[in-house]
PDB file of all heavy atoms in Angstrom:
ATOM      1  N   THR A   1     -14.911 -22.204   5.411  1.00  0.00           N
ATOM      2  CA  THR A   1     -14.489 -23.597   5.472  1.00  0.00           C
ATOM      3  C   THR A   1     -12.965 -23.730   5.495  1.00  0.00           C
ATOM      4  O   THR A   1     -12.232 -22.848   5.025  1.00  0.00           O
ATOM      5  CB  THR A   1     -15.031 -24.391   4.279  1.00  0.00           C
ATOM      6  OG1 THR A   1     -14.582 -23.773   3.057  1.00  0.00           O
ATOM      7  CG2 THR A   1     -16.556 -24.414   4.297  1.00  0.00           C
ATOM      8  N   ASN A   2     -12.530 -24.849   6.004  1.00  0.00           N
ATOM      9  CA  ASN A   2     -11.108 -25.170   6.078  1.00  0.00           C
ATOM     10  C   ASN A   2     -10.966 -26.679   5.933  1.00  0.00           C
ATOM     11  O   ASN A   2     -11.766 -27.436   6.504  1.00  0.00           O
ATOM     12  CB  ASN A   2     -10.526 -24.717   7.424  1.00  0.00           C
ATOM     13  CG  ASN A   2      -9.042 -24.993   7.513  1.00  0.00           C
ATOM     14  OD1 ASN A   2      -8.295 -24.698   6.606  1.00  0.00           O
ATOM     15  ND2 ASN A   2      -8.616 -25.571   8.623  1.00  0.00           N
ATOM     16  N   TYR A   3      -9.949 -27.104   5.149  1.00  0.00           N
ATOM     17  CA  TYR A   3      -9.772 -28.514   4.875  1.00  0.00           C
ATOM     18  C   TYR A   3      -8.352 -28.967   5.145  1.00  0.00           C
ATOM     19  O   TYR A   3      -7.390 -28.213   4.918  1.00  0.00           O
ATOM     20  CB  TYR A   3     -10.107 -28.823   3.410  1.00  0.00           C
ATOM     21  CG  TYR A   3     -11.529 -28.557   3.031  1.00  0.00           C
ATOM     22  CD1 TYR A   3     -11.917 -27.324   2.520  1.00  0.00           C
ATOM     23  CD2 TYR A   3     -12.508 -29.536   3.206  1.00  0.00           C
ATOM     24  CE1 TYR A   3     -13.235 -27.060   2.192  1.00  0.00           C
ATOM     25  CE2 TYR A   3     -13.838 -29.285   2.871  1.00  0.00           C
ATOM     26  CZ  TYR A   3     -14.189 -28.054   2.361  1.00  0.00           C
ATOM     27  OH  TYR A   3     -15.493 -27.811   2.039  1.00  0.00           O
ATOM     28  N   ALA A   4      -8.224 -30.208   5.598  1.00  0.00           N
ATOM     29  CA  ALA A   4      -6.911 -30.812   5.670  1.00  0.00           C
ATOM     30  C   ALA A   4      -6.391 -31.019   4.241  1.00  0.00           C
ATOM     31  O   ALA A   4      -7.169 -31.277   3.328  1.00  0.00           O
ATOM     32  CB  ALA A   4      -6.980 -32.144   6.397  1.00  0.00           C
ATOM     33  N   ASP A   5      -5.088 -30.924   4.086  1.00  0.00           N
ATOM     34  CA  ASP A   5      -4.511 -31.038   2.750  1.00  0.00           C
ATOM     35  C   ASP A   5      -4.871 -32.362   2.082  1.00  0.00           C
ATOM     36  O   ASP A   5      -5.059 -32.430   0.866  1.00  0.00           O
ATOM     37  CB  ASP A   5      -2.980 -30.905   2.823  1.00  0.00           C
ATOM     38  CG  ASP A   5      -2.535 -29.470   3.064  1.00  0.00           C
ATOM     39  OD1 ASP A   5      -3.353 -28.544   2.872  1.00  0.00           O
ATOM     40  OD2 ASP A   5      -1.367 -29.266   3.454  1.00  0.00           O
ATOM     41  N   PHE A   6      -4.994 -33.420   2.866  1.00  0.00           N
ATOM     42  CA  PHE A   6      -5.217 -34.741   2.282  1.00  0.00           C
ATOM     43  C   PHE A   6      -6.627 -34.943   1.759  1.00  0.00           C
ATOM     44  O   PHE A   6      -6.926 -35.964   1.128  1.00  0.00           O
ATOM     45  CB  PHE A   6      -4.839 -35.857   3.270  1.00  0.00           C
ATOM     46  CG  PHE A   6      -5.464 -35.744   4.622  1.00  0.00           C
ATOM     47  CD1 PHE A   6      -6.779 -36.125   4.835  1.00  0.00           C
ATOM     48  CD2 PHE A   6      -4.743 -35.257   5.697  1.00  0.00           C
ATOM     49  CE1 PHE A   6      -7.359 -36.037   6.078  1.00  0.00           C
ATOM     50  CE2 PHE A   6      -5.301 -35.167   6.968  1.00  0.00           C
ATOM     51  CZ  PHE A   6      -6.628 -35.551   7.153  1.00  0.00           C
ATOM     52  N   VAL A   7      -7.547 -33.981   1.977  1.00  0.00           N
ATOM     53  CA  VAL A   7      -8.893 -34.111   1.429  1.00  0.00           C
ATOM     54  C   VAL A   7      -9.273 -32.952   0.505  1.00  0.00           C
ATOM     55  O   VAL A   7     -10.351 -32.954  -0.070  1.00  0.00           O
ATOM     56  CB  VAL A   7      -9.965 -34.247   2.532  1.00  0.00           C
ATOM     57  CG1 VAL A   7      -9.675 -35.452   3.411  1.00  0.00           C
ATOM     58  CG2 VAL A   7     -10.082 -32.977   3.346  1.00  0.00           C
ATOM     59  N   LYS A   8      -8.400 -31.966   0.376  1.00  0.00           N
ATOM     60  CA  LYS A   8      -8.722 -30.819  -0.476  1.00  0.00           C
ATOM     61  C   LYS A   8      -9.017 -31.266  -1.902  1.00  0.00           C
ATOM     62  O   LYS A   8      -8.293 -32.068  -2.488  1.00  0.00           O
ATOM     63  CB  LYS A   8      -7.549 -29.830  -0.474  1.00  0.00           C
ATOM     64  CG  LYS A   8      -7.494 -28.960   0.769  1.00  0.00           C
ATOM     65  CD  LYS A   8      -6.356 -27.951   0.702  1.00  0.00           C
ATOM     66  CE  LYS A   8      -6.322 -27.076   1.944  1.00  0.00           C
ATOM     67  NZ  LYS A   8      -5.182 -26.135   1.956  1.00  0.00           N
ATOM     68  N   GLY A   9     -10.118 -30.743  -2.426  1.00  0.00           N
ATOM     69  CA  GLY A   9     -10.526 -31.105  -3.774  1.00  0.00           C
ATOM     70  C   GLY A   9     -11.364 -32.353  -3.858  1.00  0.00           C
ATOM     71  O   GLY A   9     -11.915 -32.664  -4.916  1.00  0.00           O
ATOM     72  N   ARG A  10     -11.451 -33.083  -2.740  1.00  0.00           N
ATOM     73  CA  ARG A  10     -12.246 -34.332  -2.740  1.00  0.00           C
ATOM     74  C   ARG A  10     -13.440 -34.257  -1.797  1.00  0.00           C
ATOM     75  O   ARG A  10     -14.499 -34.825  -2.091  1.00  0.00           O
ATOM     76  CB  ARG A  10     -11.354 -35.507  -2.340  1.00  0.00           C
ATOM     77  CG  ARG A  10     -10.182 -35.750  -3.260  1.00  0.00           C
ATOM     78  CD  ARG A  10      -9.489 -37.086  -2.916  1.00  0.00           C
ATOM     79  NE  ARG A  10      -8.937 -37.106  -1.573  1.00  0.00           N
ATOM     80  CZ  ARG A  10      -9.220 -38.063  -0.675  1.00  0.00           C
ATOM     81  NH1 ARG A  10     -10.062 -39.035  -0.983  1.00  0.00           N
ATOM     82  NH2 ARG A  10      -8.660 -38.020   0.534  1.00  0.00           N
ATOM     83  N   PHE A  11     -13.266 -33.605  -0.668  1.00  0.00           N
ATOM     84  CA  PHE A  11     -14.330 -33.539   0.349  1.00  0.00           C
ATOM     85  C   PHE A  11     -14.887 -32.123   0.416  1.00  0.00           C
ATOM     86  O   PHE A  11     -14.155 -31.139   0.210  1.00  0.00           O
ATOM     87  CB  PHE A  11     -13.777 -33.896   1.713  1.00  0.00           C
ATOM     88  CG  PHE A  11     -13.387 -35.346   1.907  1.00  0.00           C
ATOM     89  CD1 PHE A  11     -13.321 -36.227   0.854  1.00  0.00           C
ATOM     90  CD2 PHE A  11     -13.091 -35.807   3.183  1.00  0.00           C
ATOM     91  CE1 PHE A  11     -12.947 -37.553   1.044  1.00  0.00           C
ATOM     92  CE2 PHE A  11     -12.725 -37.131   3.397  1.00  0.00           C
ATOM     93  CZ  PHE A  11     -12.642 -37.999   2.336  1.00  0.00           C
ATOM     94  N   THR A  12     -16.181 -32.020   0.768  1.00  0.00           N
ATOM     95  CA  THR A  12     -16.811 -30.732   0.944  1.00  0.00           C
ATOM     96  C   THR A  12     -17.660 -30.740   2.205  1.00  0.00           C
ATOM     97  O   THR A  12     -18.512 -31.624   2.383  1.00  0.00           O
ATOM     98  CB  THR A  12     -17.708 -30.383  -0.251  1.00  0.00           C
ATOM     99  OG1 THR A  12     -16.941 -30.395  -1.460  1.00  0.00           O
ATOM    100  CG2 THR A  12     -18.331 -29.014  -0.079  1.00  0.00           C
ATOM    101  N   ILE A  13     -17.419 -29.783   3.079  1.00  0.00           N
ATOM    102  CA  ILE A  13     -18.209 -29.636   4.291  1.00  0.00           C
ATOM    103  C   ILE A  13     -19.247 -28.541   4.052  1.00  0.00           C
ATOM    104  O   ILE A  13     -18.970 -27.533   3.387  1.00  0.00           O
ATOM    105  CB  ILE A  13     -17.322 -29.307   5.516  1.00  0.00           C
ATOM    106  CG1 ILE A  13     -18.150 -29.342   6.803  1.00  0.00           C
ATOM    107  CG2 ILE A  13     -16.626 -27.966   5.357  1.00  0.00           C
ATOM    108  CD1 ILE A  13     -17.307 -29.252   8.078  1.00  0.00           C
ATOM    109  N   SER A  14     -20.443 -28.763   4.566  1.00  0.00           N
ATOM    110  CA  SER A  14     -21.500 -27.767   4.446  1.00  0.00           C
ATOM    111  C   SER A  14     -22.416 -27.853   5.647  1.00  0.00           C
ATOM    112  O   SER A  14     -22.382 -28.832   6.395  1.00  0.00           O
ATOM    113  CB  SER A  14     -22.297 -27.974   3.147  1.00  0.00           C
ATOM    114  OG  SER A  14     -22.924 -29.241   3.138  1.00  0.00           O
ATOM    115  N   ARG A  15     -23.193 -26.814   5.829  1.00  0.00           N
ATOM    116  CA  ARG A  15     -24.125 -26.806   6.955  1.00  0.00           C
ATOM    117  C   ARG A  15     -25.465 -26.276   6.515  1.00  0.00           C
ATOM    118  O   ARG A  15     -25.550 -25.384   5.670  1.00  0.00           O
ATOM    119  CB  ARG A  15     -23.556 -26.003   8.121  1.00  0.00           C
ATOM    120  CG  ARG A  15     -23.379 -24.520   7.876  1.00  0.00           C
ATOM    121  CD  ARG A  15     -22.522 -23.882   8.977  1.00  0.00           C
ATOM    122  NE  ARG A  15     -23.138 -24.047  10.292  1.00  0.00           N
ATOM    123  CZ  ARG A  15     -22.474 -23.921  11.441  1.00  0.00           C
ATOM    124  NH1 ARG A  15     -21.193 -23.626  11.445  1.00  0.00           N
ATOM    125  NH2 ARG A  15     -23.104 -24.070  12.597  1.00  0.00           N
ATOM    126  N   ASP A  16     -26.512 -26.834   7.103  1.00  0.00           N
ATOM    127  CA  ASP A  16     -27.875 -26.368   6.882  1.00  0.00           C
ATOM    128  C   ASP A  16     -28.416 -26.034   8.259  1.00  0.00           C
ATOM    129  O   ASP A  16     -28.898 -26.907   8.987  1.00  0.00           O
ATOM    130  CB  ASP A  16     -28.699 -27.455   6.189  1.00  0.00           C
ATOM    131  CG  ASP A  16     -30.106 -26.991   5.839  1.00  0.00           C
ATOM    132  OD1 ASP A  16     -30.591 -26.013   6.454  1.00  0.00           O
ATOM    133  OD2 ASP A  16     -30.710 -27.598   4.948  1.00  0.00           O
ATOM    134  N   ASN A  17     -28.313 -24.781   8.622  1.00  0.00           N
ATOM    135  CA  ASN A  17     -28.718 -24.378   9.968  1.00  0.00           C
ATOM    136  C   ASN A  17     -30.230 -24.566  10.189  1.00  0.00           C
ATOM    137  O   ASN A  17     -30.658 -24.836  11.306  1.00  0.00           O
ATOM    138  CB  ASN A  17     -28.315 -22.933  10.229  1.00  0.00           C
ATOM    139  CG  ASN A  17     -26.802 -22.756  10.343  1.00  0.00           C
ATOM    140  OD1 ASN A  17     -26.091 -23.684  10.737  1.00  0.00           O
ATOM    141  ND2 ASN A  17     -26.314 -21.588  10.000  1.00  0.00           N
ATOM    142  N   ALA A  18     -31.000 -24.418   9.133  1.00  0.00           N
ATOM    143  CA  ALA A  18     -32.450 -24.613   9.287  1.00  0.00           C
ATOM    144  C   ALA A  18     -32.772 -26.052   9.642  1.00  0.00           C
ATOM    145  O   ALA A  18     -33.745 -26.322  10.384  1.00  0.00           O
ATOM    146  CB  ALA A  18     -33.157 -24.218   7.993  1.00  0.00           C
ATOM    147  N   GLN A  19     -31.963 -26.991   9.125  1.00  0.00           N
ATOM    148  CA  GLN A  19     -32.157 -28.408   9.438  1.00  0.00           C
ATOM    149  C   GLN A  19     -31.297 -28.870  10.608  1.00  0.00           C
ATOM    150  O   GLN A  19     -31.354 -30.038  10.994  1.00  0.00           O
ATOM    151  CB  GLN A  19     -31.803 -29.260   8.198  1.00  0.00           C
ATOM    152  CG  GLN A  19     -32.716 -29.036   7.007  1.00  0.00           C
ATOM    153  CD  GLN A  19     -34.148 -29.452   7.281  1.00  0.00           C
ATOM    154  OE1 GLN A  19     -34.387 -30.455   7.961  1.00  0.00           O
ATOM    155  NE2 GLN A  19     -35.096 -28.679   6.778  1.00  0.00           N
ATOM    156  N   ASN A  20     -30.516 -27.935  11.158  1.00  0.00           N
ATOM    157  CA  ASN A  20     -29.632 -28.278  12.290  1.00  0.00           C
ATOM    158  C   ASN A  20     -28.714 -29.444  11.947  1.00  0.00           C
ATOM    159  O   ASN A  20     -28.504 -30.359  12.776  1.00  0.00           O
ATOM    160  CB  ASN A  20     -30.451 -28.596  13.540  1.00  0.00           C
ATOM    161  CG  ASN A  20     -30.150 -27.611  14.671  1.00  0.00           C
ATOM    162  OD1 ASN A  20     -29.731 -26.493  14.448  1.00  0.00           O
ATOM    163  ND2 ASN A  20     -30.376 -28.056  15.897  1.00  0.00           N
ATOM    164  N   THR A  21     -28.169 -29.427  10.722  1.00  0.00           N
ATOM    165  CA  THR A  21     -27.380 -30.541  10.235  1.00  0.00           C
ATOM    166  C   THR A  21     -26.133 -30.039   9.515  1.00  0.00           C
ATOM    167  O   THR A  21     -26.169 -29.015   8.837  1.00  0.00           O
ATOM    168  CB  THR A  21     -28.209 -31.402   9.278  1.00  0.00           C
ATOM    169  OG1 THR A  21     -29.390 -31.854   9.937  1.00  0.00           O
ATOM    170  CG2 THR A  21     -27.418 -32.618   8.798  1.00  0.00           C
ATOM    171  N   VAL A  22     -25.054 -30.798   9.681  1.00  0.00           N
ATOM    172  CA  VAL A  22     -23.800 -30.543   8.967  1.00  0.00           C
ATOM    173  C   VAL A  22     -23.508 -31.773   8.127  1.00  0.00           C
ATOM    174  O   VAL A  22     -23.762 -32.900   8.559  1.00  0.00           O
ATOM    175  CB  VAL A  22     -22.657 -30.271   9.943  1.00  0.00           C
ATOM    176  CG1 VAL A  22     -21.321 -30.159   9.215  1.00  0.00           C
ATOM    177  CG2 VAL A  22     -22.921 -28.994  10.714  1.00  0.00           C
ATOM    178  N   TYR A  23     -22.962 -31.541   6.954  1.00  0.00           N
ATOM    179  CA  TYR A  23     -22.686 -32.629   6.019  1.00  0.00           C
ATOM    180  C   TYR A  23     -21.209 -32.680   5.665  1.00  0.00           C
ATOM    181  O   TYR A  23     -20.488 -31.676   5.728  1.00  0.00           O
ATOM    182  CB  TYR A  23     -23.501 -32.441   4.739  1.00  0.00           C
ATOM    183  CG  TYR A  23     -24.965 -32.338   4.944  1.00  0.00           C
ATOM    184  CD1 TYR A  23     -25.591 -31.096   5.001  1.00  0.00           C
ATOM    185  CD2 TYR A  23     -25.749 -33.486   5.093  1.00  0.00           C
ATOM    186  CE1 TYR A  23     -26.959 -30.988   5.218  1.00  0.00           C
ATOM    187  CE2 TYR A  23     -27.107 -33.378   5.289  1.00  0.00           C
ATOM    188  CZ  TYR A  23     -27.720 -32.147   5.342  1.00  0.00           C
ATOM    189  OH  TYR A  23     -29.063 -32.056   5.541  1.00  0.00           O
ATOM    190  N   LEU A  24     -20.777 -33.852   5.261  1.00  0.00           N
ATOM    191  CA  LEU A  24     -19.448 -34.026   4.675  1.00  0.00           C
ATOM    192  C   LEU A  24     -19.625 -34.874   3.420  1.00  0.00           C
ATOM    193  O   LEU A  24     -19.890 -36.085   3.512  1.00  0.00           O
ATOM    194  CB  LEU A  24     -18.476 -34.684   5.636  1.00  0.00           C
ATOM    195  CG  LEU A  24     -17.034 -34.799   5.113  1.00  0.00           C
ATOM    196  CD1 LEU A  24     -16.404 -33.401   5.011  1.00  0.00           C
ATOM    197  CD2 LEU A  24     -16.194 -35.690   6.009  1.00  0.00           C
ATOM    198  N   GLN A  25     -19.511 -34.235   2.264  1.00  0.00           N
ATOM    199  CA  GLN A  25     -19.557 -34.954   0.994  1.00  0.00           C
ATOM    200  C   GLN A  25     -18.153 -35.438   0.673  1.00  0.00           C
ATOM    201  O   GLN A  25     -17.224 -34.631   0.596  1.00  0.00           O
ATOM    202  CB  GLN A  25     -20.065 -34.045  -0.112  1.00  0.00           C
ATOM    203  CG  GLN A  25     -20.081 -34.692  -1.487  1.00  0.00           C
ATOM    204  CD  GLN A  25     -21.093 -35.813  -1.587  1.00  0.00           C
ATOM    205  OE1 GLN A  25     -22.222 -35.684  -1.111  1.00  0.00           O
ATOM    206  NE2 GLN A  25     -20.693 -36.933  -2.194  1.00  0.00           N
ATOM    207  N   MET A  26     -18.003 -36.730   0.507  1.00  0.00           N
ATOM    208  CA  MET A  26     -16.701 -37.337   0.277  1.00  0.00           C
ATOM    209  C   MET A  26     -16.697 -37.995  -1.095  1.00  0.00           C
ATOM    210  O   MET A  26     -17.460 -38.940  -1.331  1.00  0.00           O
ATOM    211  CB  MET A  26     -16.377 -38.357   1.364  1.00  0.00           C
ATOM    212  CG  MET A  26     -16.482 -37.798   2.776  1.00  0.00           C
ATOM    213  SD  MET A  26     -15.915 -38.949   4.029  1.00  0.00           S
ATOM    214  CE  MET A  26     -17.150 -40.236   3.858  1.00  0.00           C
ATOM    215  N   ASN A  27     -15.854 -37.506  -1.982  1.00  0.00           N
ATOM    216  CA  ASN A  27     -15.730 -38.049  -3.330  1.00  0.00           C
ATOM    217  C   ASN A  27     -14.316 -38.601  -3.538  1.00  0.00           C
ATOM    218  O   ASN A  27     -13.392 -38.286  -2.771  1.00  0.00           O
ATOM    219  CB  ASN A  27     -16.013 -36.978  -4.378  1.00  0.00           C
ATOM    220  CG  ASN A  27     -17.413 -36.403  -4.271  1.00  0.00           C
ATOM    221  OD1 ASN A  27     -18.358 -37.089  -3.908  1.00  0.00           O
ATOM    222  ND2 ASN A  27     -17.549 -35.123  -4.599  1.00  0.00           N
ATOM    223  N   SER A  28     -14.163 -39.398  -4.570  1.00  0.00           N
ATOM    224  CA  SER A  28     -12.859 -39.980  -4.915  1.00  0.00           C
ATOM    225  C   SER A  28     -12.203 -40.617  -3.687  1.00  0.00           C
ATOM    226  O   SER A  28     -11.019 -40.368  -3.401  1.00  0.00           O
ATOM    227  CB  SER A  28     -11.942 -38.897  -5.503  1.00  0.00           C
ATOM    228  OG  SER A  28     -12.525 -38.306  -6.652  1.00  0.00           O
ATOM    229  N   LEU A  29     -12.959 -41.419  -3.005  1.00  0.00           N
ATOM    230  CA  LEU A  29     -12.466 -42.007  -1.765  1.00  0.00           C
ATOM    231  C   LEU A  29     -11.314 -42.973  -2.026  1.00  0.00           C
ATOM    232  O   LEU A  29     -11.273 -43.678  -3.040  1.00  0.00           O
ATOM    233  CB  LEU A  29     -13.601 -42.711  -1.040  1.00  0.00           C
ATOM    234  CG  LEU A  29     -14.537 -41.748  -0.288  1.00  0.00           C
ATOM    235  CD1 LEU A  29     -15.871 -42.404   0.019  1.00  0.00           C
ATOM    236  CD2 LEU A  29     -13.880 -41.265   0.993  1.00  0.00           C
ATOM    237  N   LYS A  30     -10.393 -42.990  -1.065  1.00  0.00           N
ATOM    238  CA  LYS A  30      -9.213 -43.834  -1.136  1.00  0.00           C
ATOM    239  C   LYS A  30      -9.200 -44.796   0.051  1.00  0.00           C
ATOM    240  O   LYS A  30      -9.791 -44.491   1.098  1.00  0.00           O
ATOM    241  CB  LYS A  30      -7.943 -42.963  -1.087  1.00  0.00           C
ATOM    242  CG  LYS A  30      -7.876 -41.884  -2.149  1.00  0.00           C
ATOM    243  CD  LYS A  30      -6.656 -41.008  -1.924  1.00  0.00           C
ATOM    244  CE  LYS A  30      -6.589 -39.881  -2.949  1.00  0.00           C
ATOM    245  NZ  LYS A  30      -5.394 -39.012  -2.737  1.00  0.00           N
ATOM    246  N   PRO A  31      -8.512 -45.915  -0.067  1.00  0.00           N
ATOM    247  CA  PRO A  31      -8.423 -46.824   1.095  1.00  0.00           C
ATOM    248  C   PRO A  31      -7.901 -46.139   2.355  1.00  0.00           C
ATOM    249  O   PRO A  31      -8.338 -46.476   3.466  1.00  0.00           O
ATOM    250  CB  PRO A  31      -7.459 -47.913   0.593  1.00  0.00           C
ATOM    251  CG  PRO A  31      -7.664 -47.933  -0.886  1.00  0.00           C
ATOM    252  CD  PRO A  31      -7.886 -46.500  -1.264  1.00  0.00           C
ATOM    253  N   GLU A  32      -7.021 -45.178   2.200  1.00  0.00           N
ATOM    254  CA  GLU A  32      -6.476 -44.491   3.370  1.00  0.00           C
ATOM    255  C   GLU A  32      -7.475 -43.547   4.028  1.00  0.00           C
ATOM    256  O   GLU A  32      -7.193 -42.984   5.091  1.00  0.00           O
ATOM    257  CB  GLU A  32      -5.201 -43.717   3.000  1.00  0.00           C
ATOM    258  CG  GLU A  32      -5.332 -42.813   1.793  1.00  0.00           C
ATOM    259  CD  GLU A  32      -4.827 -43.461   0.525  1.00  0.00           C
ATOM    260  OE1 GLU A  32      -5.139 -44.654   0.275  1.00  0.00           O
ATOM    261  OE2 GLU A  32      -4.117 -42.766  -0.246  1.00  0.00           O
ATOM    262  N   ASP A  33      -8.637 -43.366   3.431  1.00  0.00           N
ATOM    263  CA  ASP A  33      -9.712 -42.599   4.058  1.00  0.00           C
ATOM    264  C   ASP A  33     -10.509 -43.447   5.049  1.00  0.00           C
ATOM    265  O   ASP A  33     -11.374 -42.918   5.752  1.00  0.00           O
ATOM    266  CB  ASP A  33     -10.674 -42.037   3.016  1.00  0.00           C
ATOM    267  CG  ASP A  33     -10.029 -41.001   2.117  1.00  0.00           C
ATOM    268  OD1 ASP A  33      -9.260 -40.164   2.630  1.00  0.00           O
ATOM    269  OD2 ASP A  33     -10.297 -41.044   0.893  1.00  0.00           O
ATOM    270  N   THR A  34     -10.219 -44.720   5.120  1.00  0.00           N
ATOM    271  CA  THR A  34     -10.908 -45.606   6.047  1.00  0.00           C
ATOM    272  C   THR A  34     -10.631 -45.166   7.495  1.00  0.00           C
ATOM    273  O   THR A  34      -9.478 -45.023   7.901  1.00  0.00           O
ATOM    274  CB  THR A  34     -10.434 -47.062   5.863  1.00  0.00           C
ATOM    275  OG1 THR A  34     -10.820 -47.505   4.565  1.00  0.00           O
ATOM    276  CG2 THR A  34     -11.025 -47.968   6.915  1.00  0.00           C
ATOM    277  N   ALA A  35     -11.715 -44.929   8.224  1.00  0.00           N
ATOM    278  CA  ALA A  35     -11.608 -44.437   9.604  1.00  0.00           C
ATOM    279  C   ALA A  35     -13.002 -44.301  10.193  1.00  0.00           C
ATOM    280  O   ALA A  35     -14.004 -44.403   9.481  1.00  0.00           O
ATOM    281  CB  ALA A  35     -10.889 -43.080   9.622  1.00  0.00           C
ATOM    282  N   VAL A  36     -13.034 -44.071  11.487  1.00  0.00           N
ATOM    283  CA  VAL A  36     -14.280 -43.625  12.134  1.00  0.00           C
ATOM    284  C   VAL A  36     -14.298 -42.105  12.033  1.00  0.00           C
ATOM    285  O   VAL A  36     -13.320 -41.437  12.402  1.00  0.00           O
ATOM    286  CB  VAL A  36     -14.346 -44.072  13.596  1.00  0.00           C
ATOM    287  CG1 VAL A  36     -15.611 -43.536  14.242  1.00  0.00           C
ATOM    288  CG2 VAL A  36     -14.306 -45.590  13.694  1.00  0.00           C
ATOM    289  N   TYR A  37     -15.385 -41.579  11.514  1.00  0.00           N
ATOM    290  CA  TYR A  37     -15.541 -40.141  11.322  1.00  0.00           C
ATOM    291  C   TYR A  37     -16.437 -39.581  12.418  1.00  0.00           C
ATOM    292  O   TYR A  37     -17.540 -40.096  12.669  1.00  0.00           O
ATOM    293  CB  TYR A  37     -16.128 -39.850   9.936  1.00  0.00           C
ATOM    294  CG  TYR A  37     -15.099 -39.991   8.851  1.00  0.00           C
ATOM    295  CD1 TYR A  37     -14.643 -41.251   8.486  1.00  0.00           C
ATOM    296  CD2 TYR A  37     -14.567 -38.892   8.192  1.00  0.00           C
ATOM    297  CE1 TYR A  37     -13.680 -41.408   7.493  1.00  0.00           C
ATOM    298  CE2 TYR A  37     -13.615 -39.029   7.207  1.00  0.00           C
ATOM    299  CZ  TYR A  37     -13.158 -40.285   6.859  1.00  0.00           C
ATOM    300  OH  TYR A  37     -12.207 -40.441   5.877  1.00  0.00           O
ATOM    301  N   TYR A  38     -15.940 -38.516  13.057  1.00  0.00           N
ATOM    302  CA  TYR A  38     -16.632 -37.910  14.175  1.00  0.00           C
ATOM    303  C   TYR A  38     -17.047 -36.474  13.843  1.00  0.00           C
ATOM    304  O   TYR A  38     -16.273 -35.711  13.249  1.00  0.00           O
ATOM    305  CB  TYR A  38     -15.738 -37.858  15.409  1.00  0.00           C
ATOM    306  CG  TYR A  38     -15.353 -39.207  15.960  1.00  0.00           C
ATOM    307  CD1 TYR A  38     -14.191 -39.841  15.528  1.00  0.00           C
ATOM    308  CD2 TYR A  38     -16.143 -39.846  16.906  1.00  0.00           C
ATOM    309  CE1 TYR A  38     -13.826 -41.075  16.028  1.00  0.00           C
ATOM    310  CE2 TYR A  38     -15.784 -41.077  17.422  1.00  0.00           C
ATOM    311  CZ  TYR A  38     -14.615 -41.701  16.977  1.00  0.00           C
ATOM    312  OH  TYR A  38     -14.266 -42.919  17.480  1.00  0.00           O
TER     313      TYR A  38
END
């Protein structure tokens, strides 16, 4: 995994290949996190 500095310690990326799905767990959200996520 690799994270942008502005989300380190707050966001976690993971993948479940069996489910063919990738996740982004976002904690301690801030107003500046407002965006469209792709």
